[in-house]
Amino acid sequence: MANSISERIVDDMVNAGIDFVTTVPCKQLAGVIDLVEKNKKIYHIPSNKEDEGMGLCAGAYMGGKKPCIIMQNTALGVTVNTLAALIQYYQIPLPMLISYRGEVGEPVACQVEMALHTKPILQQMNIPTFHFHKKDDVEELSDILAYTQMCKKPTAILTDAAFWRVS
């Protein structure tokens, strides 16, 4: 049984068969990233940029892996072309665990602007989006991961500061 939210997330990923994860550094997601790095069932490759990470995930998927990307919403804008022309076009099921920076509780003012654009960008791209705000929201993760595989689409799991504060 997982003792923390981060452990629960990684356990759900492993149970869903996710065996390839790329990550971009993020303070809010650092606990998850550390556990992914230590997990022997997951091949972890850190990325320099989110769009590069999506390319790695596409290659992993085409090579028979089940990928996931862990990133911040602040770089969502640079991923739009990669999401549309690669991930969506080739129907790659890609769960995106995204720290939703800029919401209430955010300590860095410049993060707010991208928070205002995150959900509209995802909606415009027809990417199913789930917002984790309360600790209990993590109960949906295993179903979201299964849904991602079933519909062969990228999905966004937004985790805001309040979600991590209660963990």
C-alpha atoms as a PDB file:
ATOM      1  CA  MET A   1       0.000   0.000   0.000  1.00  0.00           C
ATOM      2  CA  ALA A   2       1.316   3.403  -0.950  1.00  0.00           C
ATOM      3  CA  ASN A   3       2.270   5.666   1.946  1.00  0.00           C
ATOM      4  CA  SER A   4       2.220   8.913  -0.008  1.00  0.00           C
ATOM      5  CA  ILE A   5       0.501  10.471  -2.990  1.00  0.00           C
ATOM      6  CA  SER A   6       3.729  10.153  -4.990  1.00  0.00           C
ATOM      7  CA  GLU A   7       3.965   6.440  -4.181  1.00  0.00           C
ATOM      8  CA  ARG A   8       0.328   5.947  -5.125  1.00  0.00           C
ATOM      9  CA  ILE A   9       0.863   7.661  -8.470  1.00  0.00           C
ATOM     10  CA  VAL A  10       3.901   5.532  -9.336  1.00  0.00           C
ATOM     11  CA  ASP A  11       2.156   2.341  -8.156  1.00  0.00           C
ATOM     12  CA  ASP A  12      -0.839   3.142 -10.377  1.00  0.00           C
ATOM     13  CA  MET A  13       1.474   3.805 -13.316  1.00  0.00           C
ATOM     14  CA  VAL A  14       3.246   0.457 -12.869  1.00  0.00           C
ATOM     15  CA  ASN A  15      -0.076  -1.362 -12.410  1.00  0.00           C
ATOM     16  CA  ALA A  16      -1.306   0.217 -15.664  1.00  0.00           C
ATOM     17  CA  GLY A  17       1.731  -1.197 -17.473  1.00  0.00           C
ATOM     18  CA  ILE A  18       3.517   2.122 -17.944  1.00  0.00           C
ATOM     19  CA  ASP A  19       7.130   1.127 -18.457  1.00  0.00           C
ATOM     20  CA  PHE A  20       8.675   4.231 -20.032  1.00  0.00           C
ATOM     21  CA  VAL A  21       8.602   7.677 -18.426  1.00  0.00           C
ATOM     22  CA  THR A  22      10.294  10.872 -19.432  1.00  0.00           C
ATOM     23  CA  THR A  23      10.392  13.805 -17.071  1.00  0.00           C
ATOM     24  CA  VAL A  24      11.244  17.484 -17.078  1.00  0.00           C
ATOM     25  CA  PRO A  25      12.338  18.849 -13.681  1.00  0.00           C
ATOM     26  CA  CYS A  26       9.536  20.180 -11.502  1.00  0.00           C
ATOM     27  CA  LYS A  27       9.557  21.005  -7.802  1.00  0.00           C
ATOM     28  CA  GLN A  28       5.913  19.955  -7.281  1.00  0.00           C
ATOM     29  CA  LEU A  29       6.439  16.609  -9.031  1.00  0.00           C
ATOM     30  CA  ALA A  30       9.909  15.946  -7.572  1.00  0.00           C
ATOM     31  CA  GLY A  31       8.650  13.148  -5.293  1.00  0.00           C
ATOM     32  CA  VAL A  32       7.064  11.316  -8.216  1.00  0.00           C
ATOM     33  CA  ILE A  33      10.143  11.849 -10.383  1.00  0.00           C
ATOM     34  CA  ASP A  34      12.440  10.462  -7.657  1.00  0.00           C
ATOM     35  CA  LEU A  35      10.276   7.342  -7.302  1.00  0.00           C
ATOM     36  CA  VAL A  36      10.100   6.844 -11.078  1.00  0.00           C
ATOM     37  CA  GLU A  37      13.899   7.028 -11.222  1.00  0.00           C
ATOM     38  CA  LYS A  38      14.209   4.352  -8.507  1.00  0.00           C
ATOM     39  CA  ASN A  39      11.547   2.005  -9.902  1.00  0.00           C
ATOM     40  CA  LYS A  40      13.085  -0.977 -11.706  1.00  0.00           C
ATOM     41  CA  LYS A  41       9.902  -1.577 -13.736  1.00  0.00           C
ATOM     42  CA  ILE A  42      10.080   1.847 -15.396  1.00  0.00           C
ATOM     43  CA  TYR A  43      12.687   2.956 -17.902  1.00  0.00           C
ATOM     44  CA  HIS A  44      13.227   6.620 -17.059  1.00  0.00           C
ATOM     45  CA  ILE A  45      14.825   9.180 -19.371  1.00  0.00           C
ATOM     46  CA  PRO A  46      14.959  12.803 -18.214  1.00  0.00           C
ATOM     47  CA  SER A  47      14.237  15.346 -20.965  1.00  0.00           C
ATOM     48  CA  ASN A  48      15.559  18.837 -21.498  1.00  0.00           C
ATOM     49  CA  LYS A  49      12.248  20.091 -22.898  1.00  0.00           C
ATOM     50  CA  GLU A  50       8.666  18.861 -22.947  1.00  0.00           C
ATOM     51  CA  ASP A  51       8.383  18.578 -26.734  1.00  0.00           C
ATOM     52  CA  GLU A  52      11.598  16.532 -26.785  1.00  0.00           C
ATOM     53  CA  GLY A  53      10.072  14.291 -24.113  1.00  0.00           C
ATOM     54  CA  MET A  54       6.984  13.740 -26.247  1.00  0.00           C
ATOM     55  CA  GLY A  55       9.217  12.667 -29.113  1.00  0.00           C
ATOM     56  CA  LEU A  56      10.913  10.164 -26.805  1.00  0.00           C
ATOM     57  CA  CYS A  57       7.503   8.885 -25.704  1.00  0.00           C
ATOM     58  CA  ALA A  58       6.388   8.467 -29.321  1.00  0.00           C
ATOM     59  CA  GLY A  59       9.505   6.457 -30.130  1.00  0.00           C
ATOM     60  CA  ALA A  60       9.052   4.328 -27.019  1.00  0.00           C
ATOM     61  CA  TYR A  61       5.404   3.641 -27.940  1.00  0.00           C
ATOM     62  CA  MET A  62       6.336   2.670 -31.477  1.00  0.00           C
ATOM     63  CA  GLY A  63       8.939   0.349 -29.938  1.00  0.00           C
ATOM     64  CA  GLY A  64       6.314  -1.448 -27.849  1.00  0.00           C
ATOM     65  CA  LYS A  65       6.452   0.518 -24.588  1.00  0.00           C
ATOM     66  CA  LYS A  66       3.655   2.253 -22.674  1.00  0.00           C
ATOM     67  CA  PRO A  67       4.921   5.801 -22.117  1.00  0.00           C
ATOM     68  CA  CYS A  68       4.054   8.684 -19.809  1.00  0.00           C
ATOM     69  CA  ILE A  69       5.444  12.204 -19.603  1.00  0.00           C
ATOM     70  CA  ILE A  70       5.781  14.197 -16.389  1.00  0.00           C
ATOM     71  CA  MET A  71       5.986  17.960 -16.949  1.00  0.00           C
ATOM     72  CA  GLN A  72       4.828  21.451 -15.956  1.00  0.00           C
ATOM     73  CA  ASN A  73       1.961  23.290 -17.611  1.00  0.00           C
ATOM     74  CA  THR A  74       4.208  26.304 -18.129  1.00  0.00           C
ATOM     75  CA  ALA A  75       5.753  24.601 -21.186  1.00  0.00           C
ATOM     76  CA  LEU A  76       2.490  23.343 -22.656  1.00  0.00           C
ATOM     77  CA  GLY A  77       2.669  26.011 -25.352  1.00  0.00           C
ATOM     78  CA  VAL A  78       5.885  24.605 -26.817  1.00  0.00           C
ATOM     79  CA  THR A  79       4.334  21.147 -27.103  1.00  0.00           C
ATOM     80  CA  VAL A  80       1.303  22.061 -29.229  1.00  0.00           C
ATOM     81  CA  ASN A  81       2.832  21.107 -32.588  1.00  0.00           C
ATOM     82  CA  THR A  82       4.315  17.879 -31.220  1.00  0.00           C
ATOM     83  CA  LEU A  83       1.003  16.962 -29.601  1.00  0.00           C
ATOM     84  CA  ALA A  84      -0.967  17.577 -32.806  1.00  0.00           C
ATOM     85  CA  ALA A  85       1.429  16.389 -35.511  1.00  0.00           C
ATOM     86  CA  LEU A  86       2.891  13.402 -33.668  1.00  0.00           C
ATOM     87  CA  ILE A  87       1.005  12.228 -30.580  1.00  0.00           C
ATOM     88  CA  GLN A  88      -2.551  12.862 -31.807  1.00  0.00           C
ATOM     89  CA  TYR A  89      -1.901  12.108 -35.479  1.00  0.00           C
ATOM     90  CA  TYR A  90      -0.447   8.676 -34.698  1.00  0.00           C
ATOM     91  CA  GLN A  91      -3.037   8.003 -31.953  1.00  0.00           C
ATOM     92  CA  ILE A  92      -0.450   7.510 -29.234  1.00  0.00           C
ATOM     93  CA  PRO A  93      -1.997   6.967 -25.803  1.00  0.00           C
ATOM     94  CA  LEU A  94       0.083   9.354 -23.711  1.00  0.00           C
ATOM     95  CA  PRO A  95      -0.822  10.192 -20.131  1.00  0.00           C
ATOM     96  CA  MET A  96       0.662  13.566 -19.241  1.00  0.00           C
ATOM     97  CA  LEU A  97       1.095  14.117 -15.505  1.00  0.00           C
ATOM     98  CA  ILE A  98       1.286  17.898 -15.368  1.00  0.00           C
ATOM     99  CA  SER A  99       1.943  20.185 -12.429  1.00  0.00           C
ATOM    100  CA  TYR A 100      -0.656  22.917 -12.818  1.00  0.00           C
ATOM    101  CA  ARG A 101       1.430  25.913 -11.836  1.00  0.00           C
ATOM    102  CA  GLY A 102      -0.199  29.309 -11.386  1.00  0.00           C
ATOM    103  CA  GLU A 103      -3.325  28.326  -9.475  1.00  0.00           C
ATOM    104  CA  VAL A 104      -4.302  29.489  -5.985  1.00  0.00           C
ATOM    105  CA  GLY A 105      -1.405  28.714  -3.665  1.00  0.00           C
ATOM    106  CA  GLU A 106       1.233  29.305  -6.350  1.00  0.00           C
ATOM    107  CA  PRO A 107       4.187  31.235  -4.878  1.00  0.00           C
ATOM    108  CA  VAL A 108       5.649  32.398  -8.233  1.00  0.00           C
ATOM    109  CA  ALA A 109       3.691  35.237  -9.884  1.00  0.00           C
ATOM    110  CA  CYS A 110       4.899  34.649 -13.460  1.00  0.00           C
ATOM    111  CA  GLN A 111       3.370  31.142 -13.401  1.00  0.00           C
ATOM    112  CA  VAL A 112      -0.154  32.623 -13.305  1.00  0.00           C
ATOM    113  CA  GLU A 113      -0.259  33.663 -16.965  1.00  0.00           C
ATOM    114  CA  MET A 114       0.226  30.131 -18.327  1.00  0.00           C
ATOM    115  CA  ALA A 115      -2.327  28.776 -15.862  1.00  0.00           C
ATOM    116  CA  LEU A 116      -4.900  31.011 -17.552  1.00  0.00           C
ATOM    117  CA  HIS A 117      -4.119  29.392 -20.922  1.00  0.00           C
ATOM    118  CA  THR A 118      -3.562  25.747 -19.931  1.00  0.00           C
ATOM    119  CA  LYS A 119      -7.128  24.443 -19.913  1.00  0.00           C
ATOM    120  CA  PRO A 120      -8.207  26.417 -23.014  1.00  0.00           C
ATOM    121  CA  ILE A 121      -5.231  25.031 -24.983  1.00  0.00           C
ATOM    122  CA  LEU A 122      -6.045  21.469 -23.906  1.00  0.00           C
ATOM    123  CA  GLN A 123      -9.734  21.993 -24.678  1.00  0.00           C
ATOM    124  CA  GLN A 124      -8.987  23.470 -28.121  1.00  0.00           C
ATOM    125  CA  MET A 125      -6.846  20.397 -28.879  1.00  0.00           C
ATOM    126  CA  ASN A 126      -9.622  18.038 -27.698  1.00  0.00           C
ATOM    127  CA  ILE A 127      -7.346  16.494 -25.078  1.00  0.00           C
ATOM    128  CA  PRO A 128      -9.272  14.912 -22.201  1.00  0.00           C
ATOM    129  CA  THR A 129      -8.260  16.805 -19.070  1.00  0.00           C
ATOM    130  CA  PHE A 130      -8.565  15.843 -15.412  1.00  0.00           C
ATOM    131  CA  HIS A 131      -7.813  18.282 -12.583  1.00  0.00           C
ATOM    132  CA  PHE A 132      -6.491  16.905  -9.290  1.00  0.00           C
ATOM    133  CA  HIS A 133      -7.184  19.479  -6.586  1.00  0.00           C
ATOM    134  CA  LYS A 134      -8.009  17.339  -3.539  1.00  0.00           C
ATOM    135  CA  LYS A 135      -6.048  14.400  -2.140  1.00  0.00           C
ATOM    136  CA  ASP A 136      -8.888  11.974  -2.964  1.00  0.00           C
ATOM    137  CA  ASP A 137      -8.703  12.893  -6.662  1.00  0.00           C
ATOM    138  CA  VAL A 138      -5.797  10.435  -6.966  1.00  0.00           C
ATOM    139  CA  GLU A 139      -8.401   7.649  -6.679  1.00  0.00           C
ATOM    140  CA  GLU A 140      -9.289   8.331 -10.338  1.00  0.00           C
ATOM    141  CA  LEU A 141      -5.764   7.869 -11.683  1.00  0.00           C
ATOM    142  CA  SER A 142      -5.893   4.138 -12.473  1.00  0.00           C
ATOM    143  CA  ASP A 143      -9.147   4.642 -14.411  1.00  0.00           C
ATOM    144  CA  ILE A 144      -7.668   7.625 -16.269  1.00  0.00           C
ATOM    145  CA  LEU A 145      -4.617   5.573 -17.251  1.00  0.00           C
ATOM    146  CA  ALA A 146      -6.866   2.764 -18.560  1.00  0.00           C
ATOM    147  CA  TYR A 147      -9.012   5.325 -20.403  1.00  0.00           C
ATOM    148  CA  THR A 148      -5.897   6.777 -22.059  1.00  0.00           C
ATOM    149  CA  GLN A 149      -4.952   3.355 -23.449  1.00  0.00           C
ATOM    150  CA  MET A 150      -8.511   2.556 -24.555  1.00  0.00           C
ATOM    151  CA  CYS A 151      -9.087   5.773 -26.505  1.00  0.00           C
ATOM    152  CA  LYS A 152      -5.510   6.023 -27.855  1.00  0.00           C
ATOM    153  CA  LYS A 153      -5.287   9.726 -27.044  1.00  0.00           C
ATOM    154  CA  PRO A 154      -3.099  11.923 -24.917  1.00  0.00           C
ATOM    155  CA  THR A 155      -4.717  12.807 -21.614  1.00  0.00           C
ATOM    156  CA  ALA A 156      -3.757  15.588 -19.223  1.00  0.00           C
ATOM    157  CA  ILE A 157      -3.765  15.046 -15.471  1.00  0.00           C
ATOM    158  CA  LEU A 158      -3.345  18.495 -13.923  1.00  0.00           C
ATOM    159  CA  THR A 159      -2.104  18.485 -10.326  1.00  0.00           C
ATOM    160  CA  ASP A 160      -2.297  21.870  -8.635  1.00  0.00           C
ATOM    161  CA  ALA A 161      -0.547  23.275  -5.559  1.00  0.00           C
ATOM    162  CA  ALA A 162      -3.491  22.422  -3.276  1.00  0.00           C
ATOM    163  CA  PHE A 163      -3.310  18.756  -4.338  1.00  0.00           C
ATOM    164  CA  TRP A 164       0.355  18.539  -3.379  1.00  0.00           C
ATOM    165  CA  ARG A 165      -0.087  20.570  -0.190  1.00  0.00           C
ATOM    166  CA  VAL A 166      -2.449  17.997   1.295  1.00  0.00           C
ATOM    167  CA  SER A 167      -0.155  15.075   0.473  1.00  0.00           C
END
